[in-house]
Amino acid sequence: MHFTSESSADGVTQRDFTLDDVPGVLWQPEGLPLGGRPLVLLGHGGGGHKLGLGVVERAGRCVRGRGFAAVALDAPGHGERKRSAQDERFASEIGQLIAAGRPISAWVARHTSALAERAVPEWVAVLDALGERAEAGDGEGLGPVGFWGLSLGSVIGIPLAAAEPRIAVAVFGLTGHGSQTEAAERVGVPVRFLVQWDDQLVPRAGALALFDALGSRQKTLHANTGGHLDVPETELESAERFLTHHLSAGPGAAEAAGVGADADAKRQ
């Protein structure tokens, strides 16, 4: 893991990095160690990138609001990464589908599945590298790990959570295709799943079927009116508290966060 830049503002330190040519960014509380601290993996949506407005906002909620660390990667074909002709077609087609109010095509679903196959091992490698960095810093490994990603973030996050035992909790949503069912059945961690009732990209029936397929014994469905991009602020606040509750539940996790997560956990 090679860190390329570092900056701090409002109590948050941001470090840009690359790992095997995959660009990412790590956020953590300024002046505090990574070891033992809860870590949230942030997945961006289709056509977005690691420093998109929504990702940075969620990172701030995790780090500034909770004392956690957070990390985001550019998905294959996104952000600073090279784009193939198929990646260019994907970006164009997503924009056209949103504008036309039509659901994702079979080709888009296949392409995002292919992106996920590439992205999952990249996320595993980043977790390995951050674990090594945490242990090298103060002898303590990573704290509990959560995943927060919607749309393409969930297309990647669901197979990642199915394969990666270090992930303890997840926020998914704005997705639902039959190709995701097998991975969803292997997810066993607590999940909060968001559905936009009038989602023009993801048919309601597909989203509900995917929620039903999740193998988690503890899962909740949160549905709101509006389209794909209309997730209300209250849902983001609720998702933040959900992650805090589970990531602060392990021994020493709340002390690592150091920002009074216990009070919010009791409200869950």
Foldseek 3Di string as FASTA:
>chain_A
DAWDDWDDDPQKIKTWDADPNWTKIKIFGPPAAQFQEEEEEEEEAQQAFRPDPVNVVLQCCCHVVFRHMYMYTGFALYDPHDHDPVSVVLNVVVVVLVVVLAADDPSNVVVLLVSLVVVLVVVVVVQVVQQVVRCVPPNGGHAQYEYEYEHSSQSNVLLNQLPPPSHAEYEYEPDFDPVSLVSQLSRAHEYEYEYACSESHHHPVRRVVSQVSHNYPHYYYDYHYDYSPCDDPVVSVVVSLVVLLRRCPDPCHSVSRVNPNVVSNVVD
